[in-house]
Every structure is written in structure tokens, then in C-alpha cells.
Amino acid sequence: MKRKYFHELTKKDYFELAKRGITYKKLAKLHPQPKWCGYPNATEGVMGCWSLTSFMINSENDCKKCDLYYKYETGKSFK
């Protein structure tokens, strides 16, 4: 599977990872939260961002009304 940010995962991608027994911690390393997300550990399951982990976030626009949204420098990607 190509490395993607968490919001770019499809439900199929997510459930394939879950079937393999991946932990939320490992998932967060492989598929980090979006750069514009200031929510601490947003991909950490129950304590994370419910909108993100419930597949309601598909783009930056989906987060613009969130108190933890912040603009970031475009063109940057994760390592």
C-alpha cells in the first residue's frame, strides 16, 4: 500500500490494516494525521479526532471550522 496521510485512506485500506492487527500507534506512524490538524494524536482511536477516524475528513476544507485547524506551508510532505 502506498504511504498516505490518514485522511487519504479508504475504508478498505483501513480495514485491511485492522485485519493485519496494526495498532493505532503504528497506524499513526505509517499514516499520520494531516499537516493542518493540531489535534494531539488525532489518529489515536477513541481519544483521537472522531471526525478523522470516522472517515468524515477527506480534505483540508473539512477541517477549516475546527478550533484545532491551522494553515500550513503547502508543498511539504512527511518523511
C-alpha atoms as a PDB file:
ATOM      1  CA  MET A   1       0.000   0.000   0.000  1.00  0.00           C
ATOM      2  CA  LYS A   2       1.315   3.433  -0.949  1.00  0.00           C
ATOM      3  CA  ARG A   3       2.087   5.633   2.052  1.00  0.00           C
ATOM      4  CA  LYS A   4      -0.759   8.087   2.615  1.00  0.00           C
ATOM      5  CA  TYR A   5      -1.901  10.539   5.236  1.00  0.00           C
ATOM      6  CA  PHE A   6      -4.680   9.099   7.402  1.00  0.00           C
ATOM      7  CA  HIS A   7      -7.415  11.153   5.700  1.00  0.00           C
ATOM      8  CA  GLU A   8      -6.370   9.670   2.346  1.00  0.00           C
ATOM      9  CA  LEU A   9      -7.024   6.085   3.462  1.00  0.00           C
ATOM     10  CA  THR A  10     -10.141   4.443   2.124  1.00  0.00           C
ATOM     11  CA  LYS A  11     -12.298   2.343   4.415  1.00  0.00           C
ATOM     12  CA  LYS A  12     -10.966  -0.681   2.536  1.00  0.00           C
ATOM     13  CA  ASP A  13      -7.354   0.383   3.245  1.00  0.00           C
ATOM     14  CA  TYR A  14      -8.177   0.909   6.919  1.00  0.00           C
ATOM     15  CA  PHE A  15      -9.923  -2.431   7.376  1.00  0.00           C
ATOM     16  CA  GLU A  16      -7.082  -4.268   5.597  1.00  0.00           C
ATOM     17  CA  LEU A  17      -4.679  -2.756   8.139  1.00  0.00           C
ATOM     18  CA  ALA A  18      -7.026  -3.625  11.016  1.00  0.00           C
ATOM     19  CA  LYS A  19      -7.279  -7.208   9.779  1.00  0.00           C
ATOM     20  CA  ARG A  20      -3.480  -7.419   9.968  1.00  0.00           C
ATOM     21  CA  GLY A  21      -3.662  -6.357  13.631  1.00  0.00           C
ATOM     22  CA  ILE A  22      -1.953  -2.983  13.302  1.00  0.00           C
ATOM     23  CA  THR A  23      -2.072  -0.805  16.429  1.00  0.00           C
ATOM     24  CA  TYR A  24      -3.224   2.820  16.401  1.00  0.00           C
ATOM     25  CA  LYS A  25       0.317   3.872  17.334  1.00  0.00           C
ATOM     26  CA  LYS A  26       1.780   2.062  14.315  1.00  0.00           C
ATOM     27  CA  LEU A  27      -1.053   3.342  12.125  1.00  0.00           C
ATOM     28  CA  ALA A  28      -0.221   6.917  13.179  1.00  0.00           C
ATOM     29  CA  LYS A  29       3.407   6.405  12.129  1.00  0.00           C
ATOM     30  CA  LEU A  30       2.522   4.853   8.777  1.00  0.00           C
ATOM     31  CA  HIS A  31      -0.406   7.171   8.033  1.00  0.00           C
ATOM     32  CA  PRO A  32      -0.049  10.401  10.032  1.00  0.00           C
ATOM     33  CA  GLN A  33      -2.725  12.991  10.615  1.00  0.00           C
ATOM     34  CA  PRO A  34      -2.952  15.844   8.090  1.00  0.00           C
ATOM     35  CA  LYS A  35      -0.446  18.703   8.411  1.00  0.00           C
ATOM     36  CA  TRP A  36      -3.244  21.180   9.122  1.00  0.00           C
ATOM     37  CA  CYS A  37      -4.507  19.199  12.105  1.00  0.00           C
ATOM     38  CA  GLY A  38      -3.496  20.487  15.527  1.00  0.00           C
ATOM     39  CA  TYR A  39      -5.429  17.811  17.423  1.00  0.00           C
ATOM     40  CA  PRO A  40      -2.943  15.934  19.630  1.00  0.00           C
ATOM     41  CA  ASN A  41      -2.650  12.318  18.438  1.00  0.00           C
ATOM     42  CA  ALA A  42      -5.649  12.724  16.128  1.00  0.00           C
ATOM     43  CA  THR A  43      -5.383   9.193  14.747  1.00  0.00           C
ATOM     44  CA  GLU A  44      -5.263   7.536  18.188  1.00  0.00           C
ATOM     45  CA  GLY A  45      -8.629   5.783  18.080  1.00  0.00           C
ATOM     46  CA  VAL A  46     -11.136   6.627  20.837  1.00  0.00           C
ATOM     47  CA  MET A  47      -9.092   9.550  22.197  1.00  0.00           C
ATOM     48  CA  GLY A  48      -8.354  10.974  18.761  1.00  0.00           C
ATOM     49  CA  CYS A  49     -10.362  13.088  16.344  1.00  0.00           C
ATOM     50  CA  TRP A  50     -13.632  11.276  15.785  1.00  0.00           C
ATOM     51  CA  SER A  51     -14.275  13.093  12.512  1.00  0.00           C
ATOM     52  CA  LEU A  52     -10.923  11.953  11.150  1.00  0.00           C
ATOM     53  CA  THR A  53     -11.129   8.362  12.381  1.00  0.00           C
ATOM     54  CA  SER A  54     -14.754   8.068  11.196  1.00  0.00           C
ATOM     55  CA  PHE A  55     -13.764   8.915   7.602  1.00  0.00           C
ATOM     56  CA  MET A  56     -15.605  12.255   7.638  1.00  0.00           C
ATOM     57  CA  ILE A  57     -12.410  14.168   6.755  1.00  0.00           C
ATOM     58  CA  ASN A  58     -11.378  13.939   3.117  1.00  0.00           C
ATOM     59  CA  SER A  59      -9.712  17.302   2.567  1.00  0.00           C
ATOM     60  CA  GLU A  60      -8.437  20.394   4.344  1.00  0.00           C
ATOM     61  CA  ASN A  61     -11.780  22.132   3.746  1.00  0.00           C
ATOM     62  CA  ASP A  62     -13.488  19.581   6.002  1.00  0.00           C
ATOM     63  CA  CYS A  63     -11.413  20.861   8.948  1.00  0.00           C
ATOM     64  CA  LYS A  64     -11.476  24.622   8.460  1.00  0.00           C
ATOM     65  CA  LYS A  65     -14.138  25.223  11.130  1.00  0.00           C
ATOM     66  CA  CYS A  66     -12.339  23.124  13.745  1.00  0.00           C
ATOM     67  CA  ASP A  67     -10.725  25.028  16.627  1.00  0.00           C
ATOM     68  CA  LEU A  68      -7.569  22.952  16.137  1.00  0.00           C
ATOM     69  CA  TYR A  69      -7.208  23.688  12.420  1.00  0.00           C
ATOM     70  CA  TYR A  70      -4.189  25.701  11.320  1.00  0.00           C
ATOM     71  CA  LYS A  71      -2.779  26.654   7.967  1.00  0.00           C
ATOM     72  CA  TYR A  72       0.448  25.002   6.971  1.00  0.00           C
ATOM     73  CA  GLU A  73       3.016  25.575   4.294  1.00  0.00           C
ATOM     74  CA  THR A  74       1.805  23.738   1.193  1.00  0.00           C
ATOM     75  CA  GLY A  75       4.130  21.556  -0.778  1.00  0.00           C
ATOM     76  CA  LYS A  76       5.614  19.903   2.304  1.00  0.00           C
ATOM     77  CA  SER A  77       5.210  16.197   2.811  1.00  0.00           C
ATOM     78  CA  PHE A  78       6.051  13.769   5.579  1.00  0.00           C
ATOM     79  CA  LYS A  79       9.245  11.749   5.506  1.00  0.00           C
END
